[in-house]
Amino acid sequence: MSGAKGGGYLRLGVNIDHVATIRNARGNDHPDPVRAAKLAAEAGADGITAHLREDRRHIRDDDIARLMDEIGLPLNLEMAATPEMLAIALKHRPHACCIVPERREEVTTEGGLDAAGLHNHLKPIIEQLRDAGIRVSLFINADKRQLEAARSLGAPVVELHTGSYCDAVLERQSAKRDAELARLVAAARDGAALGLEVHAGHGLTFDTVGPVAAIPELAELNIGHFLIGEAIFTGLAESIRIMRRAMDTARAGGQAILDRDAG
């Protein structure tokens, strides 16, 4: 999969974790996250993302096995940098693995991975994943030091944490919103200049996705919790279609601005 340099097509990865969260609330098999993944594919998703956490609070091991067997889209396995998760990734060999920070007590991923500080720990894990033919991504904050660390580690992809920008929009903090968006724009540009493929995600909604989708260097957005929540009101397929249209509209608008400025 190629990058989105110059404002080309922006891929949508749909995270199906929270279908599993609802299933696990009753301890049975409904609703089925694999069924959700298949529906997402029909609705226009370009890939499926699933985070197998240490505590198995949503996605379970058998979900990963079934996703690998039953879906036709690339699977992006989010994982902590632990021996257990490395062994699982090497067993199933998904299309990609996104290494994320993980604390058992957190409600959701709270920030980016310290790729620079964890260089010696991450390097052998990344090397083993790459040797197995798995595309490695690092989930990082929009920071040039972390981008440079990702390149030094040999990770071809980074995913920028968009949570701070989304929180600022939600809290109506316009100055913080603008500053966080500017950080994302600069990081996407810097990452592309370093030869990295740049993705983004965390907390994106219909109201926040436009300015991020318009960033021409981004190749992919990964969105989950909002789409699953919105599915209660519109259905999962329709929530994905609306998000897909919002991304396409924003990307086309951003390209139009670039073309106008170039002229």
C-alpha atoms as a PDB file:
ATOM      1  CA  MET A   1       0.000   0.000   0.000  1.00  0.00           C
ATOM      2  CA  SER A   2       1.471   3.300  -1.033  1.00  0.00           C
ATOM      3  CA  GLY A   3       1.361   6.607   0.801  1.00  0.00           C
ATOM      4  CA  ALA A   4      -0.897   9.565   0.137  1.00  0.00           C
ATOM      5  CA  LYS A   5       1.706  12.111  -0.865  1.00  0.00           C
ATOM      6  CA  GLY A   6       0.292  14.959  -2.859  1.00  0.00           C
ATOM      7  CA  GLY A   7      -3.226  14.528  -1.494  1.00  0.00           C
ATOM      8  CA  GLY A   8      -4.173  11.190  -3.086  1.00  0.00           C
ATOM      9  CA  TYR A   9      -6.630   8.616  -1.796  1.00  0.00           C
ATOM     10  CA  LEU A  10      -6.853   8.427   1.995  1.00  0.00           C
ATOM     11  CA  ARG A  11      -7.444   4.939   3.383  1.00  0.00           C
ATOM     12  CA  LEU A  12      -9.875   4.223   6.216  1.00  0.00           C
ATOM     13  CA  GLY A  13      -9.037   1.556   8.755  1.00  0.00           C
ATOM     14  CA  VAL A  14     -11.994   0.597  10.940  1.00  0.00           C
ATOM     15  CA  ASN A  15     -11.216  -0.509  14.490  1.00  0.00           C
ATOM     16  CA  ILE A  16     -13.709  -3.135  15.660  1.00  0.00           C
ATOM     17  CA  ASP A  17     -12.512  -3.376  19.299  1.00  0.00           C
ATOM     18  CA  HIS A  18     -15.654  -1.969  20.848  1.00  0.00           C
ATOM     19  CA  VAL A  19     -17.957  -4.411  19.149  1.00  0.00           C
ATOM     20  CA  ALA A  20     -16.046  -6.919  21.253  1.00  0.00           C
ATOM     21  CA  THR A  21     -16.428  -4.659  24.314  1.00  0.00           C
ATOM     22  CA  ILE A  22     -20.226  -4.894  24.005  1.00  0.00           C
ATOM     23  CA  ARG A  23     -20.024  -8.662  23.440  1.00  0.00           C
ATOM     24  CA  ASN A  24     -17.870  -9.156  26.502  1.00  0.00           C
ATOM     25  CA  ALA A  25     -20.296  -7.240  28.713  1.00  0.00           C
ATOM     26  CA  ARG A  26     -22.553 -10.313  28.638  1.00  0.00           C
ATOM     27  CA  GLY A  27     -19.813 -12.902  28.245  1.00  0.00           C
ATOM     28  CA  ASN A  28     -21.305 -14.562  25.186  1.00  0.00           C
ATOM     29  CA  ASP A  29     -20.677 -14.366  21.423  1.00  0.00           C
ATOM     30  CA  HIS A  30     -22.953 -11.476  20.401  1.00  0.00           C
ATOM     31  CA  PRO A  31     -22.283  -9.054  18.814  1.00  0.00           C
ATOM     32  CA  ASP A  32     -19.554 -10.670  16.745  1.00  0.00           C
ATOM     33  CA  PRO A  33     -16.576  -8.393  15.888  1.00  0.00           C
ATOM     34  CA  VAL A  34     -15.732 -10.550  12.868  1.00  0.00           C
ATOM     35  CA  ARG A  35     -19.208  -9.962  11.469  1.00  0.00           C
ATOM     36  CA  ALA A  36     -18.625  -6.233  12.063  1.00  0.00           C
ATOM     37  CA  ALA A  37     -15.343  -6.438  10.146  1.00  0.00           C
ATOM     38  CA  LYS A  38     -17.079  -8.053   7.186  1.00  0.00           C
ATOM     39  CA  LEU A  39     -19.768  -5.361   7.246  1.00  0.00           C
ATOM     40  CA  ALA A  40     -17.084  -2.671   7.406  1.00  0.00           C
ATOM     41  CA  ALA A  41     -15.473  -4.137   4.298  1.00  0.00           C
ATOM     42  CA  GLU A  42     -18.784  -3.991   2.431  1.00  0.00           C
ATOM     43  CA  ALA A  43     -19.284  -0.370   3.559  1.00  0.00           C
ATOM     44  CA  GLY A  44     -15.968   0.863   2.165  1.00  0.00           C
ATOM     45  CA  ALA A  45     -13.313   0.257   4.814  1.00  0.00           C
ATOM     46  CA  ASP A  46      -9.822  -0.318   3.433  1.00  0.00           C
ATOM     47  CA  GLY A  47      -8.556  -2.280   6.431  1.00  0.00           C
ATOM     48  CA  ILE A  48      -9.498  -3.611   9.851  1.00  0.00           C
ATOM     49  CA  THR A  49      -7.733  -2.691  13.069  1.00  0.00           C
ATOM     50  CA  ALA A  50      -7.928  -4.724  16.285  1.00  0.00           C
ATOM     51  CA  HIS A  51      -6.070  -4.175  19.570  1.00  0.00           C
ATOM     52  CA  LEU A  52      -5.299  -7.355  21.472  1.00  0.00           C
ATOM     53  CA  ARG A  53      -4.678  -6.064  24.981  1.00  0.00           C
ATOM     54  CA  GLU A  54      -2.883  -7.916  27.764  1.00  0.00           C
ATOM     55  CA  ASP A  55      -6.111  -8.095  29.807  1.00  0.00           C
ATOM     56  CA  ARG A  56      -8.244  -9.118  26.777  1.00  0.00           C
ATOM     57  CA  ARG A  57     -10.832  -6.499  27.715  1.00  0.00           C
ATOM     58  CA  HIS A  58     -12.283  -6.513  24.194  1.00  0.00           C
ATOM     59  CA  ILE A  59     -10.572  -8.427  21.372  1.00  0.00           C
ATOM     60  CA  ARG A  60      -9.694 -12.022  22.249  1.00  0.00           C
ATOM     61  CA  ASP A  61      -7.158 -14.403  20.764  1.00  0.00           C
ATOM     62  CA  ASP A  62      -9.787 -16.347  18.851  1.00  0.00           C
ATOM     63  CA  ASP A  63     -10.994 -13.075  17.287  1.00  0.00           C
ATOM     64  CA  ILE A  64      -7.550 -12.567  15.760  1.00  0.00           C
ATOM     65  CA  ALA A  65      -7.511 -16.106  14.386  1.00  0.00           C
ATOM     66  CA  ARG A  66     -10.966 -15.668  12.844  1.00  0.00           C
ATOM     67  CA  LEU A  67     -10.170 -12.237  11.418  1.00  0.00           C
ATOM     68  CA  MET A  68      -7.124 -13.701   9.686  1.00  0.00           C
ATOM     69  CA  ASP A  69      -9.186 -16.589   8.305  1.00  0.00           C
ATOM     70  CA  GLU A  70     -12.435 -14.863   7.379  1.00  0.00           C
ATOM     71  CA  ILE A  71     -11.864 -11.288   6.212  1.00  0.00           C
ATOM     72  CA  GLY A  72     -10.441 -10.197   2.890  1.00  0.00           C
ATOM     73  CA  LEU A  73      -9.084  -6.851   4.096  1.00  0.00           C
ATOM     74  CA  PRO A  74      -5.623  -6.262   5.558  1.00  0.00           C
ATOM     75  CA  LEU A  75      -5.547  -6.716   9.341  1.00  0.00           C
ATOM     76  CA  ASN A  76      -3.679  -4.162  11.438  1.00  0.00           C
ATOM     77  CA  LEU A  77      -2.950  -5.726  14.834  1.00  0.00           C
ATOM     78  CA  GLU A  78      -2.382  -3.152  17.559  1.00  0.00           C
ATOM     79  CA  MET A  79      -0.100  -4.577  20.232  1.00  0.00           C
ATOM     80  CA  ALA A  80       2.124  -3.739  23.138  1.00  0.00           C
ATOM     81  CA  ALA A  81       5.832  -4.412  22.811  1.00  0.00           C
ATOM     82  CA  THR A  82       5.831  -7.558  24.952  1.00  0.00           C
ATOM     83  CA  PRO A  83       7.096 -11.104  24.352  1.00  0.00           C
ATOM     84  CA  GLU A  84       3.530 -12.452  24.541  1.00  0.00           C
ATOM     85  CA  MET A  85       2.207 -10.105  21.860  1.00  0.00           C
ATOM     86  CA  LEU A  86       5.258 -10.627  19.661  1.00  0.00           C
ATOM     87  CA  ALA A  87       4.671 -14.394  19.760  1.00  0.00           C
ATOM     88  CA  ILE A  88       1.001 -13.930  18.822  1.00  0.00           C
ATOM     89  CA  ALA A  89       1.894 -11.616  15.937  1.00  0.00           C
ATOM     90  CA  LEU A  90       4.502 -14.031  14.616  1.00  0.00           C
ATOM     91  CA  LYS A  91       1.990 -16.885  14.860  1.00  0.00           C
ATOM     92  CA  HIS A  92      -0.746 -15.148  12.860  1.00  0.00           C
ATOM     93  CA  ARG A  93       1.341 -12.837  10.642  1.00  0.00           C
ATOM     94  CA  PRO A  94      -1.175 -10.054  10.035  1.00  0.00           C
ATOM     95  CA  HIS A  95      -0.581  -7.525   7.282  1.00  0.00           C
ATOM     96  CA  ALA A  96       0.623  -4.962   9.828  1.00  0.00           C
ATOM     97  CA  CYS A  97       1.362  -4.528  13.512  1.00  0.00           C
ATOM     98  CA  CYS A  98       1.050  -1.149  15.178  1.00  0.00           C
ATOM     99  CA  ILE A  99       3.044  -1.018  18.396  1.00  0.00           C
ATOM    100  CA  VAL A 100       1.248   1.054  21.024  1.00  0.00           C
ATOM    101  CA  PRO A 101       1.904   1.963  24.662  1.00  0.00           C
ATOM    102  CA  GLU A 102      -0.303   0.075  27.086  1.00  0.00           C
ATOM    103  CA  ARG A 103      -1.117   0.417  30.774  1.00  0.00           C
ATOM    104  CA  ARG A 104      -3.545  -2.009  32.381  1.00  0.00           C
ATOM    105  CA  GLU A 105      -5.327   0.749  34.343  1.00  0.00           C
ATOM    106  CA  GLU A 106      -5.944   3.080  31.377  1.00  0.00           C
ATOM    107  CA  VAL A 107      -9.407   3.366  29.855  1.00  0.00           C
ATOM    108  CA  THR A 108      -7.983   3.877  26.374  1.00  0.00           C
ATOM    109  CA  THR A 109      -4.554   4.571  24.899  1.00  0.00           C
ATOM    110  CA  GLU A 110      -3.496   7.824  26.543  1.00  0.00           C
ATOM    111  CA  GLY A 111      -0.689   8.980  24.279  1.00  0.00           C
ATOM    112  CA  GLY A 112       2.023   8.011  21.887  1.00  0.00           C
ATOM    113  CA  LEU A 113       4.800   5.478  22.281  1.00  0.00           C
ATOM    114  CA  ASP A 114       8.179   6.802  23.421  1.00  0.00           C
ATOM    115  CA  ALA A 115      10.025   5.306  20.478  1.00  0.00           C
ATOM    116  CA  ALA A 116      13.155   7.328  21.241  1.00  0.00           C
ATOM    117  CA  GLY A 117      13.342   6.335  24.893  1.00  0.00           C
ATOM    118  CA  LEU A 118      12.506   2.685  24.215  1.00  0.00           C
ATOM    119  CA  HIS A 119      14.874   2.296  21.260  1.00  0.00           C
ATOM    120  CA  ASN A 120      16.833  -0.681  22.608  1.00  0.00           C
ATOM    121  CA  HIS A 121      13.674  -2.490  23.725  1.00  0.00           C
ATOM    122  CA  LEU A 122      11.807  -1.911  20.457  1.00  0.00           C
ATOM    123  CA  LYS A 123      14.574  -2.666  17.976  1.00  0.00           C
ATOM    124  CA  PRO A 124      14.662  -6.496  18.254  1.00  0.00           C
ATOM    125  CA  ILE A 125      10.846  -6.659  18.263  1.00  0.00           C
ATOM    126  CA  ILE A 126      10.622  -4.555  15.113  1.00  0.00           C
ATOM    127  CA  GLU A 127      13.330  -6.605  13.445  1.00  0.00           C
ATOM    128  CA  GLN A 128      11.517  -9.877  14.159  1.00  0.00           C
ATOM    129  CA  LEU A 129       8.222  -8.530  12.867  1.00  0.00           C
ATOM    130  CA  ARG A 130       9.833  -7.212   9.699  1.00  0.00           C
ATOM    131  CA  ASP A 131      11.715 -10.486   9.146  1.00  0.00           C
ATOM    132  CA  ALA A 132       8.319 -12.233   9.275  1.00  0.00           C
ATOM    133  CA  GLY A 133       6.993  -9.990   6.508  1.00  0.00           C
ATOM    134  CA  ILE A 134       4.806  -7.910   8.827  1.00  0.00           C
ATOM    135  CA  ARG A 135       4.572  -4.172   8.195  1.00  0.00           C
ATOM    136  CA  VAL A 136       5.498  -2.342  11.400  1.00  0.00           C
ATOM    137  CA  SER A 137       3.884   0.893  12.539  1.00  0.00           C
ATOM    138  CA  LEU A 138       4.621   2.923  15.676  1.00  0.00           C
ATOM    139  CA  PHE A 139       1.828   4.895  17.355  1.00  0.00           C
ATOM    140  CA  ILE A 140       3.533   8.147  18.376  1.00  0.00           C
ATOM    141  CA  ASN A 141       2.815  11.724  19.311  1.00  0.00           C
ATOM    142  CA  ALA A 142       3.318  14.392  16.658  1.00  0.00           C
ATOM    143  CA  ASP A 143       6.934  15.034  17.583  1.00  0.00           C
ATOM    144  CA  LYS A 144       9.961  15.172  15.289  1.00  0.00           C
ATOM    145  CA  ARG A 145      12.189  13.322  17.770  1.00  0.00           C
ATOM    146  CA  GLN A 146       9.784  10.386  17.735  1.00  0.00           C
ATOM    147  CA  LEU A 147       9.603  10.440  13.945  1.00  0.00           C
ATOM    148  CA  GLU A 148      13.379  10.301  13.706  1.00  0.00           C
ATOM    149  CA  ALA A 149      13.435   7.439  16.218  1.00  0.00           C
ATOM    150  CA  ALA A 150      10.922   5.508  14.113  1.00  0.00           C
ATOM    151  CA  ARG A 151      13.118   5.846  11.056  1.00  0.00           C
ATOM    152  CA  SER A 152      16.210   4.842  13.043  1.00  0.00           C
ATOM    153  CA  LEU A 153      14.374   1.755  14.294  1.00  0.00           C
ATOM    154  CA  GLY A 154      13.436   0.717  10.778  1.00  0.00           C
ATOM    155  CA  ALA A 155       9.676   1.105  11.182  1.00  0.00           C
ATOM    156  CA  PRO A 156       8.303   2.108   7.760  1.00  0.00           C
ATOM    157  CA  VAL A 157       5.035   3.518   9.147  1.00  0.00           C
ATOM    158  CA  VAL A 158       4.017   5.834  11.977  1.00  0.00           C
ATOM    159  CA  GLU A 159       0.536   6.628  13.248  1.00  0.00           C
ATOM    160  CA  LEU A 160       0.132  10.084  14.759  1.00  0.00           C
ATOM    161  CA  HIS A 161      -1.938  10.340  17.939  1.00  0.00           C
ATOM    162  CA  THR A 162      -4.825  12.747  17.233  1.00  0.00           C
ATOM    163  CA  GLY A 163      -6.388  12.575  20.700  1.00  0.00           C
ATOM    164  CA  SER A 164      -5.170  15.963  21.948  1.00  0.00           C
ATOM    165  CA  TYR A 165      -6.533  17.712  18.871  1.00  0.00           C
ATOM    166  CA  CYS A 166      -9.893  15.943  19.192  1.00  0.00           C
ATOM    167  CA  ASP A 167     -10.094  16.758  22.915  1.00  0.00           C
ATOM    168  CA  ALA A 168      -9.447  20.431  22.190  1.00  0.00           C
ATOM    169  CA  VAL A 169     -12.291  20.478  19.645  1.00  0.00           C
ATOM    170  CA  LEU A 170     -14.624  18.767  22.110  1.00  0.00           C
ATOM    171  CA  GLU A 171     -13.676  21.231  24.861  1.00  0.00           C
ATOM    172  CA  ARG A 172     -14.082  24.215  22.514  1.00  0.00           C
ATOM    173  CA  GLN A 173     -10.507  25.361  23.159  1.00  0.00           C
ATOM    174  CA  SER A 174      -9.806  27.046  19.839  1.00  0.00           C
ATOM    175  CA  ALA A 175      -6.217  28.082  20.535  1.00  0.00           C
ATOM    176  CA  LYS A 176      -5.258  24.576  21.665  1.00  0.00           C
ATOM    177  CA  ARG A 177      -7.166  23.074  18.738  1.00  0.00           C
ATOM    178  CA  ASP A 178      -5.225  25.177  16.248  1.00  0.00           C
ATOM    179  CA  ALA A 179      -1.902  24.425  17.932  1.00  0.00           C
ATOM    180  CA  GLU A 180      -2.547  20.675  17.995  1.00  0.00           C
ATOM    181  CA  LEU A 181      -3.645  20.655  14.374  1.00  0.00           C
ATOM    182  CA  ALA A 182      -0.512  22.581  13.412  1.00  0.00           C
ATOM    183  CA  ARG A 183       1.577  19.933  15.200  1.00  0.00           C
ATOM    184  CA  LEU A 184      -0.130  17.196  13.213  1.00  0.00           C
ATOM    185  CA  VAL A 185       0.399  19.038   9.926  1.00  0.00           C
ATOM    186  CA  ALA A 186       4.094  19.583  10.690  1.00  0.00           C
ATOM    187  CA  ALA A 187       4.617  15.992  11.839  1.00  0.00           C
ATOM    188  CA  ALA A 188       2.954  14.572   8.735  1.00  0.00           C
ATOM    189  CA  ARG A 189       5.188  16.718   6.559  1.00  0.00           C
ATOM    190  CA  ASP A 190       8.323  15.820   8.548  1.00  0.00           C
ATOM    191  CA  GLY A 191       7.456  12.128   8.529  1.00  0.00           C
ATOM    192  CA  ALA A 192       6.974  12.079   4.778  1.00  0.00           C
ATOM    193  CA  ALA A 193      10.277  13.926   4.347  1.00  0.00           C
ATOM    194  CA  LEU A 194      11.970  11.173   6.386  1.00  0.00           C
ATOM    195  CA  GLY A 195      10.541   8.561   4.020  1.00  0.00           C
ATOM    196  CA  LEU A 196       7.906   7.278   6.448  1.00  0.00           C
ATOM    197  CA  GLU A 197       4.323   6.460   5.561  1.00  0.00           C
ATOM    198  CA  VAL A 198       2.202   8.528   7.930  1.00  0.00           C
ATOM    199  CA  HIS A 199      -1.149   7.484   9.388  1.00  0.00           C
ATOM    200  CA  ALA A 200      -3.265   9.133  12.093  1.00  0.00           C
ATOM    201  CA  GLY A 201      -5.960   8.208  14.555  1.00  0.00           C
ATOM    202  CA  HIS A 202      -7.555   8.332  18.001  1.00  0.00           C
ATOM    203  CA  GLY A 203     -10.761  10.105  18.912  1.00  0.00           C
ATOM    204  CA  LEU A 204     -11.706  11.160  15.387  1.00  0.00           C
ATOM    205  CA  THR A 205     -15.393  11.948  14.761  1.00  0.00           C
ATOM    206  CA  PHE A 206     -17.495  13.450  11.979  1.00  0.00           C
ATOM    207  CA  ASP A 207     -16.778  16.861  13.541  1.00  0.00           C
ATOM    208  CA  THR A 208     -13.004  16.461  13.838  1.00  0.00           C
ATOM    209  CA  VAL A 209     -11.995  14.338  10.867  1.00  0.00           C
ATOM    210  CA  GLY A 210     -12.074  17.018   8.153  1.00  0.00           C
ATOM    211  CA  PRO A 211      -8.964  19.069   9.013  1.00  0.00           C
ATOM    212  CA  VAL A 212      -6.971  15.883   9.638  1.00  0.00           C
ATOM    213  CA  ALA A 213      -8.128  14.182   6.449  1.00  0.00           C
ATOM    214  CA  ALA A 214      -7.114  17.290   4.505  1.00  0.00           C
ATOM    215  CA  ILE A 215      -3.444  16.847   5.471  1.00  0.00           C
ATOM    216  CA  PRO A 216      -1.994  15.668   2.145  1.00  0.00           C
ATOM    217  CA  GLU A 217       0.878  13.597   3.550  1.00  0.00           C
ATOM    218  CA  LEU A 218      -1.426  11.266   5.452  1.00  0.00           C
ATOM    219  CA  ALA A 219      -2.051   7.864   3.895  1.00  0.00           C
ATOM    220  CA  GLU A 220      -4.536   6.356   6.353  1.00  0.00           C
ATOM    221  CA  LEU A 221      -6.853   7.151   9.244  1.00  0.00           C
ATOM    222  CA  ASN A 222      -7.804   4.546  11.838  1.00  0.00           C
ATOM    223  CA  ILE A 223     -11.162   5.143  13.514  1.00  0.00           C
ATOM    224  CA  GLY A 224     -13.138   2.889  15.825  1.00  0.00           C
ATOM    225  CA  HIS A 225     -14.915   3.985  18.997  1.00  0.00           C
ATOM    226  CA  PHE A 226     -16.900   6.785  17.359  1.00  0.00           C
ATOM    227  CA  LEU A 227     -18.024   4.625  14.447  1.00  0.00           C
ATOM    228  CA  ILE A 228     -19.212   1.854  16.754  1.00  0.00           C
ATOM    229  CA  GLY A 229     -21.040   4.360  18.959  1.00  0.00           C
ATOM    230  CA  GLU A 230     -22.650   6.103  15.999  1.00  0.00           C
ATOM    231  CA  ALA A 231     -23.774   2.719  14.696  1.00  0.00           C
ATOM    232  CA  ILE A 232     -26.328   2.620  17.530  1.00  0.00           C
ATOM    233  CA  PHE A 233     -28.154   5.452  15.766  1.00  0.00           C
ATOM    234  CA  THR A 234     -27.433   4.940  12.065  1.00  0.00           C
ATOM    235  CA  GLY A 235     -26.143   1.389  11.698  1.00  0.00           C
ATOM    236  CA  LEU A 236     -22.478   0.475  11.290  1.00  0.00           C
ATOM    237  CA  ALA A 237     -22.438   0.500   7.501  1.00  0.00           C
ATOM    238  CA  GLU A 238     -23.989   3.959   7.323  1.00  0.00           C
ATOM    239  CA  SER A 239     -21.656   5.404   9.955  1.00  0.00           C
ATOM    240  CA  ILE A 240     -18.676   4.138   7.922  1.00  0.00           C
ATOM    241  CA  ARG A 241     -20.114   5.511   4.668  1.00  0.00           C
ATOM    242  CA  ILE A 242     -20.648   8.949   6.225  1.00  0.00           C
ATOM    243  CA  MET A 243     -17.080   8.954   7.568  1.00  0.00           C
ATOM    244  CA  ARG A 244     -15.758   7.841   4.177  1.00  0.00           C
ATOM    245  CA  ARG A 245     -17.592  10.720   2.472  1.00  0.00           C
ATOM    246  CA  ALA A 246     -16.315  13.218   5.056  1.00  0.00           C
ATOM    247  CA  MET A 247     -12.745  12.045   4.477  1.00  0.00           C
ATOM    248  CA  ASP A 248     -13.062  12.176   0.700  1.00  0.00           C
ATOM    249  CA  THR A 249     -14.625  15.645   0.784  1.00  0.00           C
ATOM    250  CA  ALA A 250     -11.919  16.994   3.072  1.00  0.00           C
ATOM    251  CA  ARG A 251      -9.137  15.425   1.016  1.00  0.00           C
ATOM    252  CA  ALA A 252     -10.564  16.836  -2.221  1.00  0.00           C
ATOM    253  CA  GLY A 253     -10.894  20.262  -0.632  1.00  0.00           C
ATOM    254  CA  GLY A 254      -7.361  20.174   0.682  1.00  0.00           C
ATOM    255  CA  GLN A 255      -6.061  19.229  -2.755  1.00  0.00           C
ATOM    256  CA  ALA A 256      -8.035  22.090  -4.321  1.00  0.00           C
ATOM    257  CA  ILE A 257      -6.362  24.527  -1.923  1.00  0.00           C
ATOM    258  CA  LEU A 258      -2.939  23.118  -2.791  1.00  0.00           C
ATOM    259  CA  ASP A 259      -3.668  23.410  -6.508  1.00  0.00           C
ATOM    260  CA  ARG A 260      -4.898  26.986  -6.101  1.00  0.00           C
ATOM    261  CA  ASP A 261      -1.800  27.999  -4.136  1.00  0.00           C
ATOM    262  CA  ALA A 262       0.486  26.319  -6.661  1.00  0.00           C
ATOM    263  CA  GLY A 263      -1.195  28.278  -9.448  1.00  0.00           C
END
